[in-house]
Amino acid sequence: MLKEYNTIREIVGPLMLVEGVEGVKYNELVEVRQENGEIRSGKVLEINRDKALVQLFEASQGIKMATSKARFLGHGIELGVSEDMLGRVFDGMGRPRDGGAPIIPEMKLDINGQPINPVARDYPNEFIQTGISAIDGLNTLVRGQKLPVFSMSGMPHAELAAQIARQAKVIGSDAKFAVVFAAVGITFEEADFFISDFRKTGAIERAVMFINLANDPAVERISTPRMALTAAEYLAFEKDMHVLVITTDITNYAEALREVSAARKEVPGRRGYPGYMYTDLASMYERAGRIVGKKGSITQIPILTMPEDDKTHPIPDLTGYITEGQIIISRELYKKGITPPIDVLPSLSRLKDKGIGKGKTREDHADTMNQLFSAYAQGKEAKELSSILGDAALTEVDKKYAQFADEFEKQYVSQGFDVNRTIEETLDLGWKLLKILPKSELKRIRDEYIEKYLDKDENKD
């Protein structure tokens, strides 16, 4: 029998203090029943002897301490999961948001998940095709990886997220592929964009969406990505699916973490964020991966907007430490009209070498990737030199590199948000652009590949 307490002693903002409690656990769910029968929910944030500090999910206005009773439910926030979740839209607490019937759960899972034993982890080494050349060709995503997108305010990261969700697939595998999409603290317009885009393109059929709006409570913002990861773990490890989890925007999540921390009067860390933010983010990011003996996997693409476009801000800084690389969106490329405006040089996928090559993408992938990186970097240098000293300062080869850099941005990086390129099309486009340079400059590609792919194309012409 669950105990009820009418010992609510203090309410400050979203926080409530209940005294004289017994056997209450951290993160336990609480129901606050008022005299008129209205129920508000919350969770235990802190326990000190017989006192429990409760964070309310809804506003605390109108709660009368004298007549209200707090009931502790004996478990944390749970999500009822079933394969029927595919094609559905939920809110940040796992309630249907699409007007459909509630899910009849196959099981109920704690949203904080179970940590994966490091010994049971399998190494990520299978290529995931996103259909975006700047990612597939140069910063390859691998199944089981966590690869964040670092964006800036006003940049089209929402369109990029929708494009990846629509197009992503594992090549050469007959296993089912699902997308779990978590939108954290977004506006109604953004929510409408994502839902209508998923429905219009049919991507909703293989997707589970969790939408948390900017006017929803801060504590719901903290549960939204965990709801998504719990659904992903069920689909991956119970139903053997390859699951891609896309979360946007992690910055809104961190702001909610700071808000709750301030309400608890905790000592702030860098920029006012709680000192445990690294651990908190890691507890989400590390739920990605593959497990030995299980067919399914979880791959994560968290998207975050860098406050003041600052890479050293605590949120991107800590995310960079925990994850395996980053995809960086560039304001400069966006101003040039390049979409998606992915800046390939500072972007990085630490596992890309494990997911490319013969049998995975194509034998020439690694060599052409290195050559394209090198040529683009030299081309940008040549353009900078030209802007300072004029074209007369450039050699003929420098001019070729500058031309290459322009064409690389226009053709390779800029493909729009509706074009879905296969990995073969991406690699062939790379060879086409390398023809701009003299053959003697292709020092990073083996002669056999130049003969097979470059000369073959020339013979066709």
Protein backbone atom coordinates (compact mmCIF):
# COMPACT_ATOMS: atom_id res chain seq x y z
CA MET A 1 0.00 0.00 0.00
CA LEU A 2 1.40 3.40 -1.01
CA LYS A 3 1.67 5.92 1.82
CA GLU A 4 0.15 9.40 1.62
CA TYR A 5 1.66 12.33 3.52
CA ASN A 6 -0.15 15.56 4.44
CA THR A 7 3.13 17.05 5.70
CA ILE A 8 3.88 19.45 2.83
CA ARG A 9 5.78 22.23 4.56
CA GLU A 10 7.07 24.56 1.87
CA ILE A 11 6.52 25.37 -1.82
CA VAL A 12 8.99 27.64 -3.67
CA GLY A 13 8.50 27.89 -7.44
CA PRO A 14 8.52 24.33 -8.83
CA LEU A 15 10.00 22.86 -5.61
CA MET A 16 8.06 21.36 -2.72
CA LEU A 17 9.32 20.08 0.67
CA VAL A 18 7.61 17.07 2.27
CA GLU A 19 8.54 16.09 5.86
CA GLY A 20 8.24 12.87 7.89
CA VAL A 21 8.72 10.53 4.90
CA GLU A 22 10.00 6.95 5.08
CA GLY A 23 11.65 4.68 2.48
CA VAL A 24 11.58 7.31 -0.28
CA LYS A 25 14.17 7.01 -3.10
CA TYR A 26 15.91 9.58 -5.33
CA ASN A 27 14.08 10.11 -8.69
CA GLU A 28 10.89 8.45 -7.32
CA LEU A 29 7.62 9.72 -8.81
CA VAL A 30 5.23 11.71 -6.60
CA GLU A 31 1.52 12.53 -6.98
CA VAL A 32 0.18 15.61 -5.20
CA ARG A 33 -3.57 15.20 -4.66
CA GLN A 34 -5.52 18.37 -3.86
CA GLU A 35 -8.80 18.70 -1.99
CA ASN A 36 -10.78 19.11 -5.22
CA GLY A 37 -9.34 15.84 -6.61
CA GLU A 38 -6.86 17.50 -8.99
CA ILE A 39 -3.53 15.63 -9.22
CA ARG A 40 -0.14 17.13 -10.06
CA SER A 41 3.00 15.08 -10.62
CA GLY A 42 6.61 15.48 -9.61
CA LYS A 43 9.77 13.57 -8.79
CA VAL A 44 12.10 13.39 -5.79
CA LEU A 45 15.20 15.54 -6.30
CA GLU A 46 16.82 15.18 -2.90
CA ILE A 47 16.40 13.26 0.37
CA ASN A 48 17.73 14.44 3.74
CA ARG A 49 16.80 12.10 6.62
CA ASP A 50 12.97 12.30 6.74
CA LYS A 51 12.66 15.26 4.36
CA ALA A 52 12.09 14.90 0.60
CA LEU A 53 12.56 17.73 -1.90
CA VAL A 54 10.14 17.27 -4.80
CA GLN A 55 10.35 18.91 -8.25
CA LEU A 56 6.86 19.45 -9.71
CA PHE A 57 6.31 18.83 -13.43
CA GLU A 58 3.52 21.43 -13.59
CA ALA A 59 3.29 24.89 -12.02
CA SER A 60 2.82 25.02 -8.25
CA GLN A 61 0.21 27.82 -8.26
CA GLY A 62 -2.99 26.98 -6.43
CA ILE A 63 -1.63 24.13 -4.30
CA LYS A 64 -2.84 24.52 -0.70
CA MET A 65 -0.29 22.98 1.66
CA ALA A 66 -2.79 22.39 4.47
CA THR A 67 -5.22 20.26 2.43
CA SER A 68 -2.94 18.65 -0.21
CA LYS A 69 -1.46 15.15 0.15
CA ALA A 70 1.75 13.80 -1.38
CA ARG A 71 1.86 10.15 -2.47
CA PHE A 72 5.18 8.47 -3.38
CA LEU A 73 4.73 5.84 -6.11
CA GLY A 74 7.80 3.67 -5.38
CA HIS A 75 9.33 3.90 -8.90
CA GLY A 76 10.94 6.45 -11.20
CA ILE A 77 9.58 7.75 -14.53
CA GLU A 78 8.76 4.79 -16.77
CA LEU A 79 7.93 4.47 -20.45
CA GLY A 80 5.52 1.81 -21.70
CA VAL A 81 7.09 0.37 -24.87
CA SER A 82 5.77 -1.64 -27.80
CA GLU A 83 6.45 -1.93 -31.55
CA ASP A 84 3.22 0.06 -32.03
CA MET A 85 5.25 3.17 -31.09
CA LEU A 86 6.58 3.32 -34.67
CA GLY A 87 4.73 5.98 -36.63
CA ARG A 88 3.56 7.78 -33.48
CA VAL A 89 4.23 11.21 -31.90
CA PHE A 90 4.57 11.57 -28.10
CA ASP A 91 5.25 14.42 -25.70
CA GLY A 92 8.26 14.65 -23.37
CA MET A 93 6.60 12.39 -20.78
CA GLY A 94 5.70 9.65 -23.27
CA ARG A 95 1.98 10.60 -23.64
CA PRO A 96 0.51 10.49 -27.19
CA ARG A 97 0.61 13.92 -28.86
CA ASP A 98 -0.91 12.90 -32.20
CA GLY A 99 -4.48 12.37 -31.01
CA GLY A 100 -4.12 8.58 -31.23
CA ALA A 101 -4.90 6.02 -28.54
CA PRO A 102 -2.37 5.35 -25.77
CA ILE A 103 0.09 2.51 -26.45
CA ILE A 104 -0.70 -0.87 -24.90
CA PRO A 105 2.77 -1.59 -23.49
CA GLU A 106 4.61 -4.86 -23.95
CA MET A 107 6.79 -3.85 -20.99
CA LYS A 108 7.55 -0.78 -18.85
CA LEU A 109 11.13 0.48 -18.70
CA ASP A 110 12.82 3.01 -16.40
CA ILE A 111 13.84 5.96 -18.58
CA ASN A 112 17.29 6.17 -16.97
CA GLY A 113 18.15 2.86 -18.64
CA GLN A 114 20.66 0.21 -17.67
CA PRO A 115 24.36 0.97 -18.18
CA ILE A 116 26.03 -1.17 -20.87
CA ASN A 117 28.82 -3.32 -19.46
CA PRO A 118 32.01 -2.08 -21.27
CA VAL A 119 33.12 -5.71 -21.78
CA ALA A 120 29.82 -6.47 -23.58
CA ARG A 121 30.25 -3.60 -26.06
CA ASP A 122 30.92 -4.48 -29.70
CA TYR A 123 33.18 -2.24 -31.81
CA PRO A 124 31.34 0.10 -34.25
CA ASN A 125 32.51 -0.74 -37.79
CA GLU A 126 29.54 -0.70 -40.19
CA PHE A 127 28.86 2.20 -42.54
CA ILE A 128 25.58 4.17 -42.28
CA GLN A 129 24.65 6.05 -45.45
CA THR A 130 23.03 9.43 -44.74
CA GLY A 131 22.86 10.45 -48.40
CA ILE A 132 24.85 13.62 -47.56
CA SER A 133 28.25 13.75 -49.30
CA ALA A 134 29.99 15.94 -46.70
CA ILE A 135 29.18 13.28 -44.07
CA ASP A 136 29.33 10.01 -46.06
CA GLY A 137 32.43 10.87 -48.08
CA LEU A 138 34.53 12.76 -45.54
CA ASN A 139 33.16 12.32 -42.00
CA THR A 140 31.56 8.91 -42.23
CA LEU A 141 28.94 7.83 -39.69
CA VAL A 142 29.35 4.30 -38.31
CA ARG A 143 26.68 2.09 -36.73
CA GLY A 144 26.88 2.38 -32.93
CA GLN A 145 28.68 5.75 -33.03
CA LYS A 146 27.69 9.03 -31.37
CA LEU A 147 28.41 11.90 -33.77
CA PRO A 148 27.08 15.34 -32.72
CA VAL A 149 26.23 18.26 -35.03
CA PHE A 150 27.55 21.62 -33.73
CA SER A 151 25.34 24.34 -35.15
CA MET A 152 24.73 28.05 -34.54
CA SER A 153 21.57 30.05 -33.94
CA GLY A 154 19.72 30.78 -37.17
CA MET A 155 21.42 27.93 -39.08
CA PRO A 156 19.33 25.25 -40.86
CA HIS A 157 20.12 22.39 -38.44
CA ALA A 158 16.42 21.46 -38.29
CA GLU A 159 16.42 20.82 -42.06
CA LEU A 160 19.65 18.79 -41.74
CA ALA A 161 18.15 16.71 -38.91
CA ALA A 162 15.02 16.01 -40.96
CA GLN A 163 17.15 15.09 -44.01
CA ILE A 164 19.26 12.60 -42.03
CA ALA A 165 16.13 11.10 -40.44
CA ARG A 166 14.57 10.65 -43.90
CA GLN A 167 17.59 9.29 -45.75
CA ALA A 168 19.72 7.30 -43.29
CA LYS A 169 20.08 3.55 -43.87
CA VAL A 170 22.51 0.67 -43.33
CA ILE A 171 23.82 -0.64 -46.67
CA GLY A 172 23.90 -4.38 -47.31
CA SER A 173 21.86 -5.35 -44.26
CA ASP A 174 18.36 -6.79 -44.18
CA ALA A 175 17.82 -5.76 -40.53
CA LYS A 176 15.04 -3.25 -39.91
CA PHE A 177 16.05 0.40 -39.54
CA ALA A 178 14.22 2.84 -37.24
CA VAL A 179 14.64 6.50 -36.32
CA VAL A 180 13.85 7.82 -32.84
CA PHE A 181 13.55 11.60 -32.97
CA ALA A 182 13.62 13.73 -29.81
CA ALA A 183 12.90 17.47 -30.09
CA VAL A 184 13.77 19.28 -26.85
CA GLY A 185 12.44 22.77 -26.04
CA ILE A 186 11.52 23.68 -29.63
CA THR A 187 8.90 26.17 -30.83
CA PHE A 188 5.48 25.17 -32.14
CA GLU A 189 6.57 26.12 -35.71
CA GLU A 190 9.62 23.83 -35.51
CA ALA A 191 7.50 20.98 -34.12
CA ASP A 192 5.01 21.46 -36.96
CA PHE A 193 7.91 21.43 -39.51
CA PHE A 194 9.30 18.12 -38.20
CA ILE A 195 5.93 16.35 -37.91
CA SER A 196 4.67 17.48 -41.34
CA ASP A 197 8.05 16.70 -43.01
CA PHE A 198 8.08 13.17 -41.53
CA ARG A 199 4.46 12.58 -42.59
CA LYS A 200 4.86 14.06 -46.07
CA THR A 201 7.94 11.96 -46.90
CA GLY A 202 6.67 8.77 -45.26
CA ALA A 203 9.62 8.74 -42.81
CA ILE A 204 7.08 8.68 -39.94
CA GLU A 205 6.35 5.00 -40.73
CA ARG A 206 9.73 3.93 -39.32
CA ALA A 207 10.04 6.72 -36.73
CA VAL A 208 9.10 7.36 -33.11
CA MET A 209 8.88 11.08 -32.28
CA PHE A 210 9.09 12.75 -28.85
CA ILE A 211 8.24 16.46 -29.02
CA ASN A 212 8.84 18.80 -26.08
CA LEU A 213 7.77 22.41 -26.69
CA ALA A 214 9.47 25.53 -25.30
CA ASN A 215 6.47 26.27 -23.03
CA ASP A 216 6.49 22.79 -21.45
CA PRO A 217 7.99 22.46 -17.93
CA ALA A 218 11.81 22.41 -17.61
CA VAL A 219 11.76 19.03 -15.89
CA GLU A 220 9.99 17.53 -18.92
CA ARG A 221 12.85 18.84 -21.05
CA ILE A 222 15.21 16.67 -18.97
CA SER A 223 13.10 13.53 -19.44
CA THR A 224 12.52 13.90 -23.25
CA PRO A 225 15.91 12.59 -24.52
CA ARG A 226 15.80 9.79 -21.94
CA MET A 227 12.32 8.77 -23.15
CA ALA A 228 13.72 8.63 -26.70
CA LEU A 229 16.75 6.56 -25.67
CA THR A 230 14.55 4.13 -23.72
CA ALA A 231 12.37 3.60 -26.81
CA ALA A 232 15.57 3.15 -28.87
CA GLU A 233 17.00 0.56 -26.44
CA TYR A 234 13.76 -1.44 -26.64
CA LEU A 235 13.70 -1.40 -30.47
CA ALA A 236 17.44 -2.15 -30.75
CA PHE A 237 18.03 -4.78 -28.09
CA GLU A 238 14.57 -6.39 -27.83
CA LYS A 239 13.46 -6.13 -31.48
CA ASP A 240 16.89 -6.36 -33.24
CA MET A 241 16.55 -3.06 -35.12
CA HIS A 242 19.26 -0.61 -36.18
CA VAL A 243 18.13 2.59 -34.45
CA LEU A 244 19.29 6.12 -35.21
CA VAL A 245 18.54 8.58 -32.37
CA ILE A 246 18.48 12.26 -33.37
CA THR A 247 18.15 14.78 -30.52
CA THR A 248 17.70 18.51 -31.11
CA ASP A 249 18.53 20.74 -29.27
CA ILE A 250 20.95 19.59 -26.53
CA THR A 251 21.53 23.27 -25.60
CA ASN A 252 17.87 23.53 -24.48
CA TYR A 253 18.38 20.37 -22.40
CA ALA A 254 21.49 21.86 -20.70
CA GLU A 255 19.61 25.13 -20.01
CA ALA A 256 16.85 23.12 -18.28
CA LEU A 257 19.52 21.30 -16.25
CA ARG A 258 20.91 24.67 -15.15
CA GLU A 259 17.41 25.93 -14.26
CA VAL A 260 16.69 22.90 -12.04
CA SER A 261 20.17 23.14 -10.48
CA ALA A 262 19.62 26.85 -9.64
CA ALA A 263 16.22 26.05 -8.10
CA ARG A 264 17.95 23.50 -5.85
CA LYS A 265 20.49 26.21 -4.85
CA GLU A 266 23.43 24.06 -5.95
CA VAL A 267 26.90 25.58 -6.29
CA PRO A 268 27.22 26.50 -9.99
CA GLY A 269 30.12 25.39 -12.20
CA ARG A 270 31.30 26.93 -15.51
CA ARG A 271 28.92 29.63 -16.82
CA GLY A 272 26.38 28.71 -14.13
CA TYR A 273 25.89 25.13 -15.38
CA PRO A 274 25.97 22.43 -12.69
CA GLY A 275 29.33 20.78 -12.01
CA TYR A 276 27.85 17.36 -12.83
CA MET A 277 26.81 18.35 -16.39
CA TYR A 278 29.63 16.22 -17.91
CA THR A 279 28.37 13.13 -16.04
CA ASP A 280 24.76 13.93 -16.92
CA LEU A 281 25.48 14.28 -20.66
CA ALA A 282 27.64 11.13 -20.59
CA SER A 283 24.76 9.17 -19.02
CA MET A 284 22.79 9.93 -22.24
CA TYR A 285 25.50 9.76 -24.91
CA GLU A 286 26.95 6.49 -23.60
CA ARG A 287 23.63 4.74 -24.22
CA ALA A 288 24.69 4.53 -27.89
CA GLY A 289 26.51 1.45 -29.10
CA ARG A 290 26.36 -2.22 -30.04
CA ILE A 291 26.28 -5.21 -27.68
CA VAL A 292 28.04 -8.51 -28.36
CA GLY A 293 25.47 -11.17 -29.28
CA LYS A 294 22.70 -8.64 -30.09
CA LYS A 295 21.78 -7.83 -33.69
CA GLY A 296 20.45 -4.33 -32.97
CA SER A 297 22.38 -1.11 -32.36
CA ILE A 298 21.90 2.50 -31.27
CA THR A 299 23.61 5.32 -33.20
CA GLN A 300 23.23 8.87 -31.88
CA ILE A 301 23.29 12.24 -33.64
CA PRO A 302 22.79 14.90 -30.94
CA ILE A 303 22.36 18.40 -32.40
CA LEU A 304 23.32 21.47 -30.38
CA THR A 305 23.47 25.19 -31.11
CA MET A 306 26.68 26.71 -29.76
CA PRO A 307 25.84 29.80 -27.66
CA GLU A 308 27.53 32.87 -29.23
CA ASP A 309 28.96 30.50 -31.92
CA ASP A 310 31.58 29.51 -29.33
CA LYS A 311 33.15 26.04 -29.65
CA THR A 312 34.71 26.40 -26.18
CA HIS A 313 31.33 26.93 -24.47
CA PRO A 314 30.75 24.18 -21.84
CA ILE A 315 27.98 22.41 -23.82
CA PRO A 316 29.91 21.75 -27.09
CA ASP A 317 33.16 21.41 -25.13
CA LEU A 318 31.89 18.60 -22.88
CA THR A 319 29.97 16.97 -25.74
CA GLY A 320 33.19 16.87 -27.79
CA TYR A 321 34.98 15.03 -24.97
CA ILE A 322 32.31 12.33 -24.66
CA THR A 323 31.45 11.71 -28.34
CA GLU A 324 33.45 10.42 -31.32
CA GLY A 325 33.86 13.59 -33.35
CA GLN A 326 31.59 16.40 -34.54
CA ILE A 327 29.94 17.78 -37.68
CA ILE A 328 30.30 21.58 -37.73
CA ILE A 329 27.81 23.90 -39.45
CA SER A 330 29.41 27.08 -40.88
CA ARG A 331 27.80 30.50 -40.92
CA GLU A 332 30.23 31.60 -43.64
CA LEU A 333 29.15 28.78 -46.00
CA TYR A 334 25.48 29.46 -45.21
CA LYS A 335 25.93 33.10 -46.28
CA LYS A 336 27.33 31.82 -49.61
CA GLY A 337 24.06 29.88 -50.14
CA ILE A 338 25.64 26.44 -49.61
CA THR A 339 23.20 23.88 -48.14
CA PRO A 340 23.78 21.95 -45.98
CA PRO A 341 26.53 24.38 -44.84
CA ILE A 342 28.83 21.69 -43.38
CA ASP A 343 32.41 22.88 -42.80
CA VAL A 344 34.32 19.68 -43.59
CA LEU A 345 37.79 20.77 -42.39
CA PRO A 346 37.10 21.24 -38.63
CA SER A 347 34.48 18.45 -38.72
CA LEU A 348 35.67 15.02 -37.62
CA SER A 349 34.42 11.45 -37.32
CA ARG A 350 36.90 9.51 -35.18
CA LEU A 351 35.50 6.15 -36.35
CA LYS A 352 35.34 6.92 -40.09
CA ASP A 353 38.33 4.69 -40.91
CA LYS A 354 36.52 1.71 -39.37
CA GLY A 355 33.43 2.01 -41.57
CA ILE A 356 34.93 2.56 -45.03
CA GLY A 357 36.87 0.57 -47.62
CA LYS A 358 36.35 -2.60 -49.64
CA GLY A 359 33.20 -4.51 -48.68
CA LYS A 360 31.83 -1.54 -46.73
CA THR A 361 31.85 1.45 -49.11
CA ARG A 362 34.47 1.16 -51.89
CA GLU A 363 38.19 0.40 -52.02
CA ASP A 364 39.14 3.94 -53.14
CA HIS A 365 37.21 5.69 -50.33
CA ALA A 366 40.09 6.27 -47.86
CA ASP A 367 42.54 7.56 -50.51
CA THR A 368 40.07 9.92 -52.20
CA MET A 369 38.87 11.21 -48.79
CA ASN A 370 42.43 12.16 -47.79
CA GLN A 371 43.07 13.76 -51.19
CA LEU A 372 39.86 15.81 -51.09
CA PHE A 373 40.64 17.08 -47.56
CA SER A 374 44.16 18.06 -48.60
CA ALA A 375 43.11 19.72 -51.87
CA TYR A 376 40.28 21.69 -50.23
CA ALA A 377 42.63 22.94 -47.48
CA GLN A 378 45.22 24.04 -50.08
CA GLY A 379 42.50 25.63 -52.19
CA LYS A 380 41.26 27.72 -49.25
CA GLU A 381 44.85 28.83 -48.52
CA ALA A 382 45.30 29.85 -52.17
CA LYS A 383 42.07 31.88 -52.05
CA GLU A 384 43.18 33.66 -48.87
CA LEU A 385 46.54 34.45 -50.46
CA SER A 386 44.76 35.79 -53.55
CA SER A 387 42.50 38.06 -51.46
CA ILE A 388 45.57 39.56 -49.74
CA LEU A 389 48.12 39.74 -52.58
CA GLY A 390 45.94 39.47 -55.70
CA ASP A 391 45.76 36.77 -58.38
CA ALA A 392 49.22 37.69 -59.69
CA ALA A 393 50.76 36.13 -56.56
CA LEU A 394 49.30 32.70 -57.41
CA THR A 395 51.06 30.06 -59.51
CA GLU A 396 49.10 28.15 -62.15
CA VAL A 397 48.79 25.19 -59.74
CA ASP A 398 47.57 27.54 -56.96
CA LYS A 399 44.86 28.82 -59.32
CA LYS A 400 43.77 25.21 -59.97
CA TYR A 401 43.51 24.61 -56.22
CA ALA A 402 41.47 27.80 -55.75
CA GLN A 403 39.14 26.68 -58.56
CA PHE A 404 38.90 23.25 -56.92
CA ALA A 405 37.89 24.79 -53.56
CA ASP A 406 35.06 26.77 -55.22
CA GLU A 407 33.76 23.80 -57.19
CA PHE A 408 34.09 21.50 -54.17
CA GLU A 409 31.82 23.79 -52.10
CA LYS A 410 29.32 24.28 -54.96
CA GLN A 411 29.03 20.66 -56.12
CA TYR A 412 30.18 18.34 -53.31
CA VAL A 413 29.15 20.12 -50.09
CA SER A 414 26.12 21.97 -51.47
CA GLN A 415 23.50 19.44 -52.50
CA GLY A 416 20.32 20.89 -50.95
CA PHE A 417 18.11 19.26 -48.34
CA ASP A 418 16.20 17.02 -50.74
CA VAL A 419 19.01 15.27 -52.65
CA ASN A 420 19.85 11.74 -51.47
CA ARG A 421 23.22 10.60 -52.88
CA THR A 422 24.41 6.99 -52.74
CA ILE A 423 27.98 6.44 -51.56
CA GLU A 424 28.96 5.52 -55.16
CA GLU A 425 27.60 8.87 -56.43
CA THR A 426 29.53 10.70 -53.68
CA LEU A 427 32.81 8.89 -54.51
CA ASP A 428 32.35 9.41 -58.28
CA LEU A 429 31.70 13.12 -57.69
CA GLY A 430 34.95 13.29 -55.72
CA TRP A 431 36.87 11.81 -58.69
CA LYS A 432 35.16 14.26 -61.07
CA LEU A 433 36.33 17.22 -58.95
CA LEU A 434 39.88 15.85 -58.61
CA LYS A 435 40.16 16.07 -62.43
CA ILE A 436 40.46 19.86 -61.96
CA LEU A 437 43.94 19.29 -60.50
CA PRO A 438 46.99 18.08 -62.48
CA LYS A 439 47.42 14.30 -62.10
CA SER A 440 50.86 14.89 -60.55
CA GLU A 441 49.15 16.57 -57.55
CA LEU A 442 47.18 13.43 -56.62
CA LYS A 443 49.91 12.23 -54.25
CA ARG A 444 47.60 10.68 -51.66
CA ILE A 445 45.91 8.20 -54.03
CA ARG A 446 47.45 4.91 -55.11
CA ASP A 447 48.31 4.68 -58.82
CA GLU A 448 46.11 1.61 -59.28
CA TYR A 449 43.04 3.61 -58.15
CA ILE A 450 43.93 6.59 -60.38
CA GLU A 451 44.19 4.16 -63.31
CA LYS A 452 40.96 2.38 -62.41
CA TYR A 453 38.69 5.35 -61.60
CA LEU A 454 40.20 8.56 -63.04
CA ASP A 455 41.67 7.25 -66.32
CA LYS A 456 38.65 5.04 -66.93
CA ASP A 457 36.39 8.10 -66.77
CA GLU A 458 38.70 9.99 -69.13
CA ASN A 459 38.60 7.14 -71.65
CA LYS A 460 34.78 7.27 -71.52
CA ASP A 461 34.86 10.99 -72.25
